[in-house]
Structures are given as structure tokens and as C-alpha cells.
Amino acid sequence: SIQDSGPIIVHCSAGIGRTGTFIVIDIIIDQINQHGLDCEIDIQRTIQIVRAKRSGMVQTIAQYKFVYLAVQHYVNTLQQRIQAEHVSD
């Protein structure tokens, strides 16, 4: 399985824009998976934390918006899955 194969390496041309976008989304999805949908989701703070490790992560407005859209899509999909499970019970 993929989870058993070790860490994933992500790198775009400069290693900060698209890479940072992917990393921020992954961190937030992991946070949701660990703490549930009621956890505090702070995208701006997560980007700041990642930028503290490597300057320039998530470079453009489009990348910033994509983080929000990806997280929103994940949350909506998870909510739909939970509702479907309740209906089938």
C-alpha cells in the first residue's frame, strides 16, 4: 500500500509555490483526519507555519485560492460520505 511505502517527496521547479500548496493542503487534510470536522482549520496560519520553515511557500493568489478550494472540496466530500453512511444505517 502507498501508506506503507514511506514518505512522499514533492517538488516543483523552485520547490516553493506548487510544492507549498500541496504541503499545506496535505497538512490540513491530515489535521481533519486526526481531529475530525469540528477541528479548527486555519489556512492562513498553516501557510505561515510552512513559510517559517521555507520562505515563499504558496506564492500566488491562485495557489492560495486553490488551497481554500481543495480543503472546501475535501470537507464537503467528507460530510457527504458521513451523511450517506447515516442514511444507509
PDB file of N, CA and C in Angstrom:
ATOM      1  N   SER A   1       0.837  -1.182   0.000  1.00  0.00           N
ATOM      2  CA  SER A   1       0.000   0.000   0.000  1.00  0.00           C
ATOM      3  C   SER A   1       0.879   1.241   0.000  1.00  0.00           C
ATOM      4  N   ILE A   2       0.328   2.346  -0.444  1.00  0.00           N
ATOM      5  CA  ILE A   2       1.082   3.597  -0.526  1.00  0.00           C
ATOM      6  C   ILE A   2       1.506   4.061   0.859  1.00  0.00           C
ATOM      7  N   GLN A   3       0.633   3.946   1.844  1.00  0.00           N
ATOM      8  CA  GLN A   3       0.964   4.408   3.192  1.00  0.00           C
ATOM      9  C   GLN A   3       2.158   3.664   3.779  1.00  0.00           C
ATOM     10  N   ASP A   4       2.367   2.440   3.384  1.00  0.00           N
ATOM     11  CA  ASP A   4       3.459   1.639   3.922  1.00  0.00           C
ATOM     12  C   ASP A   4       4.765   1.821   3.157  1.00  0.00           C
ATOM     13  N   SER A   5       4.745   2.626   2.097  1.00  0.00           N
ATOM     14  CA  SER A   5       5.922   2.733   1.245  1.00  0.00           C
ATOM     15  C   SER A   5       6.895   3.824   1.672  1.00  0.00           C
ATOM     16  N   GLY A   6       6.584   4.584   2.702  1.00  0.00           N
ATOM     17  CA  GLY A   6       7.489   5.618   3.184  1.00  0.00           C
ATOM     18  C   GLY A   6       7.017   7.011   2.821  1.00  0.00           C
ATOM     19  N   PRO A   7       7.835   8.004   3.120  1.00  0.00           N
ATOM     20  CA  PRO A   7       7.425   9.395   2.877  1.00  0.00           C
ATOM     21  C   PRO A   7       7.328   9.716   1.388  1.00  0.00           C
ATOM     22  N   ILE A   8       6.494  10.689   1.089  1.00  0.00           N
ATOM     23  CA  ILE A   8       6.324  11.159  -0.283  1.00  0.00           C
ATOM     24  C   ILE A   8       7.195  12.392  -0.468  1.00  0.00           C
ATOM     25  N   ILE A   9       7.876  12.475  -1.595  1.00  0.00           N
ATOM     26  CA  ILE A   9       8.672  13.655  -1.922  1.00  0.00           C
ATOM     27  C   ILE A   9       7.903  14.470  -2.951  1.00  0.00           C
ATOM     28  N   VAL A  10       7.763  15.772  -2.675  1.00  0.00           N
ATOM     29  CA  VAL A  10       7.048  16.685  -3.571  1.00  0.00           C
ATOM     30  C   VAL A  10       8.002  17.810  -3.935  1.00  0.00           C
ATOM     31  N   HIS A  11       8.106  18.109  -5.235  1.00  0.00           N
ATOM     32  CA  HIS A  11       8.992  19.201  -5.634  1.00  0.00           C
ATOM     33  C   HIS A  11       8.560  19.739  -6.993  1.00  0.00           C
ATOM     34  N   CYS A  12       8.346  21.060  -7.055  1.00  0.00           N
ATOM     35  CA  CYS A  12       8.095  21.727  -8.331  1.00  0.00           C
ATOM     36  C   CYS A  12       9.402  22.384  -8.769  1.00  0.00           C
ATOM     37  N   SER A  13       9.361  23.262  -9.750  1.00  0.00           N
ATOM     38  CA  SER A  13      10.608  23.821 -10.290  1.00  0.00           C
ATOM     39  C   SER A  13      11.444  24.537  -9.232  1.00  0.00           C
ATOM     40  N   ALA A  14      10.838  25.409  -8.439  1.00  0.00           N
ATOM     41  CA  ALA A  14      11.584  26.121  -7.400  1.00  0.00           C
ATOM     42  C   ALA A  14      11.411  25.480  -6.024  1.00  0.00           C
ATOM     43  N   GLY A  15      10.438  24.607  -5.907  1.00  0.00           N
ATOM     44  CA  GLY A  15      10.216  23.920  -4.636  1.00  0.00           C
ATOM     45  C   GLY A  15       9.473  24.731  -3.600  1.00  0.00           C
ATOM     46  N   ILE A  16       8.775  25.800  -4.033  1.00  0.00           N
ATOM     47  CA  ILE A  16       8.061  26.611  -3.046  1.00  0.00           C
ATOM     48  C   ILE A  16       6.599  26.888  -3.397  1.00  0.00           C
ATOM     49  N   GLY A  17       6.287  27.163  -4.636  1.00  0.00           N
ATOM     50  CA  GLY A  17       4.916  27.539  -5.000  1.00  0.00           C
ATOM     51  C   GLY A  17       3.949  26.374  -4.981  1.00  0.00           C
ATOM     52  N   ARG A  18       4.028  25.550  -6.001  1.00  0.00           N
ATOM     53  CA  ARG A  18       3.131  24.393  -6.088  1.00  0.00           C
ATOM     54  C   ARG A  18       3.432  23.381  -4.994  1.00  0.00           C
ATOM     55  N   THR A  19       4.702  23.245  -4.669  1.00  0.00           N
ATOM     56  CA  THR A  19       5.089  22.344  -3.579  1.00  0.00           C
ATOM     57  C   THR A  19       4.472  22.797  -2.264  1.00  0.00           C
ATOM     58  N   GLY A  20       4.587  24.074  -1.968  1.00  0.00           N
ATOM     59  CA  GLY A  20       3.998  24.618  -0.742  1.00  0.00           C
ATOM     60  C   GLY A  20       2.496  24.450  -0.707  1.00  0.00           C
ATOM     61  N   THR A  21       1.864  24.653  -1.858  1.00  0.00           N
ATOM     62  CA  THR A  21       0.412  24.491  -1.962  1.00  0.00           C
ATOM     63  C   THR A  21       0.018  23.062  -1.604  1.00  0.00           C
ATOM     64  N   PHE A  22       0.708  22.097  -2.177  1.00  0.00           N
ATOM     65  CA  PHE A  22       0.429  20.689  -1.902  1.00  0.00           C
ATOM     66  C   PHE A  22       0.655  20.367  -0.429  1.00  0.00           C
ATOM     67  N   ILE A  23       1.749  20.850   0.125  1.00  0.00           N
ATOM     68  CA  ILE A  23       2.088  20.553   1.521  1.00  0.00           C
ATOM     69  C   ILE A  23       1.046  21.125   2.480  1.00  0.00           C
ATOM     70  N   VAL A  24       0.610  22.365   2.242  1.00  0.00           N
ATOM     71  CA  VAL A  24      -0.401  22.985   3.107  1.00  0.00           C
ATOM     72  C   VAL A  24      -1.702  22.188   3.056  1.00  0.00           C
ATOM     73  N   ILE A  25      -2.127  21.805   1.866  1.00  0.00           N
ATOM     74  CA  ILE A  25      -3.352  21.010   1.727  1.00  0.00           C
ATOM     75  C   ILE A  25      -3.197  19.684   2.471  1.00  0.00           C
ATOM     76  N   ASP A  26      -2.062  19.041   2.317  1.00  0.00           N
ATOM     77  CA  ASP A  26      -1.819  17.759   2.985  1.00  0.00           C
ATOM     78  C   ASP A  26      -1.846  17.901   4.506  1.00  0.00           C
ATOM     79  N   ILE A  27      -1.235  18.957   5.027  1.00  0.00           N
ATOM     80  CA  ILE A  27      -1.229  19.194   6.476  1.00  0.00           C
ATOM     81  C   ILE A  27      -2.653  19.365   6.995  1.00  0.00           C
ATOM     82  N   ILE A  28      -3.455  20.151   6.290  1.00  0.00           N
ATOM     83  CA  ILE A  28      -4.820  20.429   6.751  1.00  0.00           C
ATOM     84  C   ILE A  28      -5.693  19.185   6.652  1.00  0.00           C
ATOM     85  N   ILE A  29      -5.562  18.431   5.570  1.00  0.00           N
ATOM     86  CA  ILE A  29      -6.334  17.189   5.441  1.00  0.00           C
ATOM     87  C   ILE A  29      -5.940  16.209   6.549  1.00  0.00           C
ATOM     88  N   ASP A  30      -4.659  16.119   6.843  1.00  0.00           N
ATOM     89  CA  ASP A  30      -4.203  15.250   7.931  1.00  0.00           C
ATOM     90  C   ASP A  30      -4.788  15.701   9.266  1.00  0.00           C
ATOM     91  N   GLN A  31      -4.825  17.011   9.483  1.00  0.00           N
ATOM     92  CA  GLN A  31      -5.407  17.564  10.714  1.00  0.00           C
ATOM     93  C   GLN A  31      -6.888  17.188  10.823  1.00  0.00           C
ATOM     94  N   ILE A  32      -7.621  17.305   9.730  1.00  0.00           N
ATOM     95  CA  ILE A  32      -9.043  16.944   9.716  1.00  0.00           C
ATOM     96  C   ILE A  32      -9.202  15.449  10.000  1.00  0.00           C
ATOM     97  N   ASN A  33      -8.373  14.631   9.375  1.00  0.00           N
ATOM     98  CA  ASN A  33      -8.460  13.183   9.584  1.00  0.00           C
ATOM     99  C   ASN A  33      -8.148  12.794  11.025  1.00  0.00           C
ATOM    100  N   GLN A  34      -7.235  13.505  11.668  1.00  0.00           N
ATOM    101  CA  GLN A  34      -6.866  13.188  13.045  1.00  0.00           C
ATOM    102  C   GLN A  34      -7.872  13.714  14.066  1.00  0.00           C
ATOM    103  N   HIS A  35      -8.418  14.917  13.824  1.00  0.00           N
ATOM    104  CA  HIS A  35      -9.230  15.587  14.841  1.00  0.00           C
ATOM    105  C   HIS A  35     -10.703  15.744  14.464  1.00  0.00           C
ATOM    106  N   GLY A  36     -11.079  15.355  13.266  1.00  0.00           N
ATOM    107  CA  GLY A  36     -12.472  15.431  12.850  1.00  0.00           C
ATOM    108  C   GLY A  36     -12.840  16.771  12.244  1.00  0.00           C
ATOM    109  N   LEU A  37     -14.048  16.817  11.723  1.00  0.00           N
ATOM    110  CA  LEU A  37     -14.530  18.013  11.030  1.00  0.00           C
ATOM    111  C   LEU A  37     -14.735  19.206  11.955  1.00  0.00           C
ATOM    112  N   ASP A  38     -14.810  18.973  13.249  1.00  0.00           N
ATOM    113  CA  ASP A  38     -15.019  20.072  14.194  1.00  0.00           C
ATOM    114  C   ASP A  38     -13.722  20.777  14.586  1.00  0.00           C
ATOM    115  N   CYS A  39     -12.595  20.308  14.063  1.00  0.00           N
ATOM    116  CA  CYS A  39     -11.324  20.936  14.429  1.00  0.00           C
ATOM    117  C   CYS A  39     -11.218  22.323  13.786  1.00  0.00           C
ATOM    118  N   GLU A  40     -10.364  23.139  14.375  1.00  0.00           N
ATOM    119  CA  GLU A  40     -10.140  24.476  13.830  1.00  0.00           C
ATOM    120  C   GLU A  40      -9.256  24.362  12.588  1.00  0.00           C
ATOM    121  N   ILE A  41      -9.744  24.904  11.487  1.00  0.00           N
ATOM    122  CA  ILE A  41      -8.985  24.914  10.242  1.00  0.00           C
ATOM    123  C   ILE A  41      -8.545  26.348   9.995  1.00  0.00           C
ATOM    124  N   ASP A  42      -7.249  26.591  10.099  1.00  0.00           N
ATOM    125  CA  ASP A  42      -6.709  27.933   9.916  1.00  0.00           C
ATOM    126  C   ASP A  42      -5.683  27.888   8.786  1.00  0.00           C
ATOM    127  N   ILE A  43      -6.165  28.124   7.577  1.00  0.00           N
ATOM    128  CA  ILE A  43      -5.309  28.021   6.400  1.00  0.00           C
ATOM    129  C   ILE A  43      -4.201  29.064   6.433  1.00  0.00           C
ATOM    130  N   GLN A  44      -4.543  30.288   6.775  1.00  0.00           N
ATOM    131  CA  GLN A  44      -3.537  31.346   6.811  1.00  0.00           C
ATOM    132  C   GLN A  44      -2.419  31.005   7.797  1.00  0.00           C
ATOM    133  N   ARG A  45      -2.783  30.526   8.962  1.00  0.00           N
ATOM    134  CA  ARG A  45      -1.786  30.156   9.981  1.00  0.00           C
ATOM    135  C   ARG A  45      -0.933  28.981   9.503  1.00  0.00           C
ATOM    136  N   THR A  46      -1.559  28.011   8.852  1.00  0.00           N
ATOM    137  CA  THR A  46      -0.811  26.863   8.339  1.00  0.00           C
ATOM    138  C   THR A  46       0.216  27.315   7.307  1.00  0.00           C
ATOM    139  N   ILE A  47      -0.174  28.236   6.437  1.00  0.00           N
ATOM    140  CA  ILE A  47       0.770  28.774   5.449  1.00  0.00           C
ATOM    141  C   ILE A  47       1.913  29.504   6.151  1.00  0.00           C
ATOM    142  N   GLN A  48       1.608  30.260   7.186  1.00  0.00           N
ATOM    143  CA  GLN A  48       2.660  30.961   7.938  1.00  0.00           C
ATOM    144  C   GLN A  48       3.647  29.975   8.565  1.00  0.00           C
ATOM    145  N   ILE A  49       3.128  28.885   9.107  1.00  0.00           N
ATOM    146  CA  ILE A  49       3.988  27.866   9.724  1.00  0.00           C
ATOM    147  C   ILE A  49       4.909  27.247   8.672  1.00  0.00           C
ATOM    148  N   VAL A  50       4.338  26.924   7.506  1.00  0.00           N
ATOM    149  CA  VAL A  50       5.131  26.330   6.431  1.00  0.00           C
ATOM    150  C   VAL A  50       6.163  27.337   5.914  1.00  0.00           C
ATOM    151  N   ARG A  51       5.765  28.599   5.806  1.00  0.00           N
ATOM    152  CA  ARG A  51       6.704  29.639   5.354  1.00  0.00           C
ATOM    153  C   ARG A  51       7.826  29.876   6.361  1.00  0.00           C
ATOM    154  N   ALA A  52       7.576  29.614   7.626  1.00  0.00           N
ATOM    155  CA  ALA A  52       8.630  29.749   8.632  1.00  0.00           C
ATOM    156  C   ALA A  52       9.727  28.705   8.407  1.00  0.00           C
ATOM    157  N   LYS A  53       9.350  27.576   7.829  1.00  0.00           N
ATOM    158  CA  LYS A  53      10.316  26.515   7.527  1.00  0.00           C
ATOM    159  C   LYS A  53      11.028  26.776   6.200  1.00  0.00           C
ATOM    160  N   ARG A  54      10.268  27.321   5.226  1.00  0.00           N
ATOM    161  CA  ARG A  54      10.844  27.639   3.911  1.00  0.00           C
ATOM    162  C   ARG A  54      10.120  28.850   3.340  1.00  0.00           C
ATOM    163  N   SER A  55      10.834  29.912   3.170  1.00  0.00           N
ATOM    164  CA  SER A  55      10.278  31.174   2.701  1.00  0.00           C
ATOM    165  C   SER A  55       9.649  31.031   1.314  1.00  0.00           C
ATOM    166  N   GLY A  56       8.523  31.696   1.118  1.00  0.00           N
ATOM    167  CA  GLY A  56       7.901  31.757  -0.201  1.00  0.00           C
ATOM    168  C   GLY A  56       6.901  30.666  -0.514  1.00  0.00           C
ATOM    169  N   MET A  57       6.686  29.742   0.421  1.00  0.00           N
ATOM    170  CA  MET A  57       5.723  28.669   0.147  1.00  0.00           C
ATOM    171  C   MET A  57       4.350  29.266  -0.136  1.00  0.00           C
ATOM    172  N   VAL A  58       3.666  28.732  -1.135  1.00  0.00           N
ATOM    173  CA  VAL A  58       2.378  29.238  -1.639  1.00  0.00           C
ATOM    174  C   VAL A  58       2.618  30.668  -2.130  1.00  0.00           C
ATOM    175  N   GLN A  59       2.984  30.781  -3.401  1.00  0.00           N
ATOM    176  CA  GLN A  59       3.467  32.043  -3.951  1.00  0.00           C
ATOM    177  C   GLN A  59       2.390  32.968  -4.490  1.00  0.00           C
ATOM    178  N   THR A  60       1.365  32.422  -5.107  1.00  0.00           N
ATOM    179  CA  THR A  60       0.425  33.267  -5.848  1.00  0.00           C
ATOM    180  C   THR A  60      -0.965  33.255  -5.220  1.00  0.00           C
ATOM    181  N   ILE A  61      -1.751  34.239  -5.613  1.00  0.00           N
ATOM    182  CA  ILE A  61      -3.151  34.291  -5.170  1.00  0.00           C
ATOM    183  C   ILE A  61      -3.893  33.054  -5.660  1.00  0.00           C
ATOM    184  N   ALA A  62      -3.603  32.624  -6.878  1.00  0.00           N
ATOM    185  CA  ALA A  62      -4.259  31.428  -7.424  1.00  0.00           C
ATOM    186  C   ALA A  62      -3.947  30.201  -6.567  1.00  0.00           C
ATOM    187  N   GLN A  63      -2.714  30.075  -6.115  1.00  0.00           N
ATOM    188  CA  GLN A  63      -2.350  28.945  -5.259  1.00  0.00           C
ATOM    189  C   GLN A  63      -3.043  29.044  -3.904  1.00  0.00           C
ATOM    190  N   TYR A  64      -3.107  30.250  -3.379  1.00  0.00           N
ATOM    191  CA  TYR A  64      -3.790  30.487  -2.104  1.00  0.00           C
ATOM    192  C   TYR A  64      -5.266  30.086  -2.225  1.00  0.00           C
ATOM    193  N   LYS A  65      -5.915  30.529  -3.300  1.00  0.00           N
ATOM    194  CA  LYS A  65      -7.322  30.183  -3.534  1.00  0.00           C
ATOM    195  C   LYS A  65      -7.488  28.681  -3.709  1.00  0.00           C
ATOM    196  N   PHE A  66      -6.533  28.052  -4.398  1.00  0.00           N
ATOM    197  CA  PHE A  66      -6.617  26.612  -4.616  1.00  0.00           C
ATOM    198  C   PHE A  66      -6.587  25.851  -3.295  1.00  0.00           C
ATOM    199  N   VAL A  67      -5.771  26.318  -2.348  1.00  0.00           N
ATOM    200  CA  VAL A  67      -5.748  25.683  -1.025  1.00  0.00           C
ATOM    201  C   VAL A  67      -7.148  25.710  -0.425  1.00  0.00           C
ATOM    202  N   TYR A  68      -7.789  26.883  -0.446  1.00  0.00           N
ATOM    203  CA  TYR A  68      -9.142  27.014   0.106  1.00  0.00           C
ATOM    204  C   TYR A  68     -10.126  26.099  -0.623  1.00  0.00           C
ATOM    205  N   LEU A  69     -10.064  26.082  -1.954  1.00  0.00           N
ATOM    206  CA  LEU A  69     -10.993  25.253  -2.730  1.00  0.00           C
ATOM    207  C   LEU A  69     -10.765  23.764  -2.473  1.00  0.00           C
ATOM    208  N   ALA A  70      -9.515  23.353  -2.396  1.00  0.00           N
ATOM    209  CA  ALA A  70      -9.211  21.939  -2.158  1.00  0.00           C
ATOM    210  C   ALA A  70      -9.688  21.496  -0.777  1.00  0.00           C
ATOM    211  N   VAL A  71      -9.451  22.327   0.230  1.00  0.00           N
ATOM    212  CA  VAL A  71      -9.898  21.995   1.587  1.00  0.00           C
ATOM    213  C   VAL A  71     -11.423  21.980   1.646  1.00  0.00           C
ATOM    214  N   GLN A  72     -12.056  22.960   1.018  1.00  0.00           N
ATOM    215  CA  GLN A  72     -13.520  23.003   0.988  1.00  0.00           C
ATOM    216  C   GLN A  72     -14.079  21.759   0.301  1.00  0.00           C
ATOM    217  N   HIS A  73     -13.475  21.358  -0.801  1.00  0.00           N
ATOM    218  CA  HIS A  73     -13.924  20.162  -1.516  1.00  0.00           C
ATOM    219  C   HIS A  73     -13.757  18.916  -0.633  1.00  0.00           C
ATOM    220  N   TYR A  74     -12.641  18.823   0.060  1.00  0.00           N
ATOM    221  CA  TYR A  74     -12.410  17.676   0.935  1.00  0.00           C
ATOM    222  C   TYR A  74     -13.446  17.623   2.055  1.00  0.00           C
ATOM    223  N   VAL A  75     -13.687  18.762   2.691  1.00  0.00           N
ATOM    224  CA  VAL A  75     -14.666  18.823   3.785  1.00  0.00           C
ATOM    225  C   VAL A  75     -16.056  18.463   3.268  1.00  0.00           C
ATOM    226  N   ASN A  76     -16.458  19.029   2.130  1.00  0.00           N
ATOM    227  CA  ASN A  76     -17.777  18.730   1.559  1.00  0.00           C
ATOM    228  C   ASN A  76     -17.916  17.252   1.222  1.00  0.00           C
ATOM    229  N   THR A  77     -16.881  16.671   0.634  1.00  0.00           N
ATOM    230  CA  THR A  77     -16.911  15.251   0.285  1.00  0.00           C
ATOM    231  C   THR A  77     -17.010  14.386   1.538  1.00  0.00           C
ATOM    232  N   LEU A  78     -16.257  14.744   2.559  1.00  0.00           N
ATOM    233  CA  LEU A  78     -16.297  14.003   3.819  1.00  0.00           C
ATOM    234  C   LEU A  78     -17.681  14.101   4.467  1.00  0.00           C
ATOM    235  N   GLN A  79     -18.273  15.289   4.453  1.00  0.00           N
ATOM    236  CA  GLN A  79     -19.621  15.467   5.010  1.00  0.00           C
ATOM    237  C   GLN A  79     -20.647  14.636   4.242  1.00  0.00           C
ATOM    238  N   GLN A  80     -20.550  14.609   2.925  1.00  0.00           N
ATOM    239  CA  GLN A  80     -21.472  13.809   2.116  1.00  0.00           C
ATOM    240  C   GLN A  80     -21.308  12.326   2.415  1.00  0.00           C
ATOM    241  N   ARG A  81     -20.076  11.890   2.593  1.00  0.00           N
ATOM    242  CA  ARG A  81     -19.812  10.482   2.897  1.00  0.00           C
ATOM    243  C   ARG A  81     -20.411  10.103   4.251  1.00  0.00           C
ATOM    244  N   ILE A  82     -20.261  10.993   5.230  1.00  0.00           N
ATOM    245  CA  ILE A  82     -20.818  10.747   6.563  1.00  0.00           C
ATOM    246  C   ILE A  82     -22.340  10.694   6.505  1.00  0.00           C
ATOM    247  N   GLN A  83     -22.949  11.622   5.769  1.00  0.00           N
ATOM    248  CA  GLN A  83     -24.410  11.630   5.625  1.00  0.00           C
ATOM    249  C   GLN A  83     -24.894  10.372   4.934  1.00  0.00           C
ATOM    250  N   ALA A  84     -24.188   9.917   3.917  1.00  0.00           N
ATOM    251  CA  ALA A  84     -24.579   8.703   3.201  1.00  0.00           C
ATOM    252  C   ALA A  84     -24.496   7.483   4.112  1.00  0.00           C
ATOM    253  N   GLU A  85     -23.501   7.444   4.979  1.00  0.00           N
ATOM    254  CA  GLU A  85     -23.374   6.331   5.923  1.00  0.00           C
ATOM    255  C   GLU A  85     -24.520   6.330   6.923  1.00  0.00           C
ATOM    256  N   HIS A  86     -24.961   7.514   7.355  1.00  0.00           N
ATOM    257  CA  HIS A  86     -26.079   7.608   8.303  1.00  0.00           C
ATOM    258  C   HIS A  86     -27.388   7.173   7.649  1.00  0.00           C
ATOM    259  N   VAL A  87     -27.554   7.489   6.390  1.00  0.00           N
ATOM    260  CA  VAL A  87     -28.775   7.114   5.670  1.00  0.00           C
ATOM    261  C   VAL A  87     -28.829   5.602   5.483  1.00  0.00           C
ATOM    262  N   SER A  88     -27.676   4.985   5.214  1.00  0.00           N
ATOM    263  CA  SER A  88     -27.661   3.542   4.976  1.00  0.00           C
ATOM    264  C   SER A  88     -27.756   2.723   6.259  1.00  0.00           C
ATOM    265  N   ASP A  89     -27.568   3.364   7.424  1.00  0.00           N
ATOM    266  CA  ASP A  89     -27.658   2.638   8.705  1.00  0.00           C
ATOM    267  C   ASP A  89     -29.052   2.383   9.098  1.00  0.00           C
TER     268      ASP A  89
END
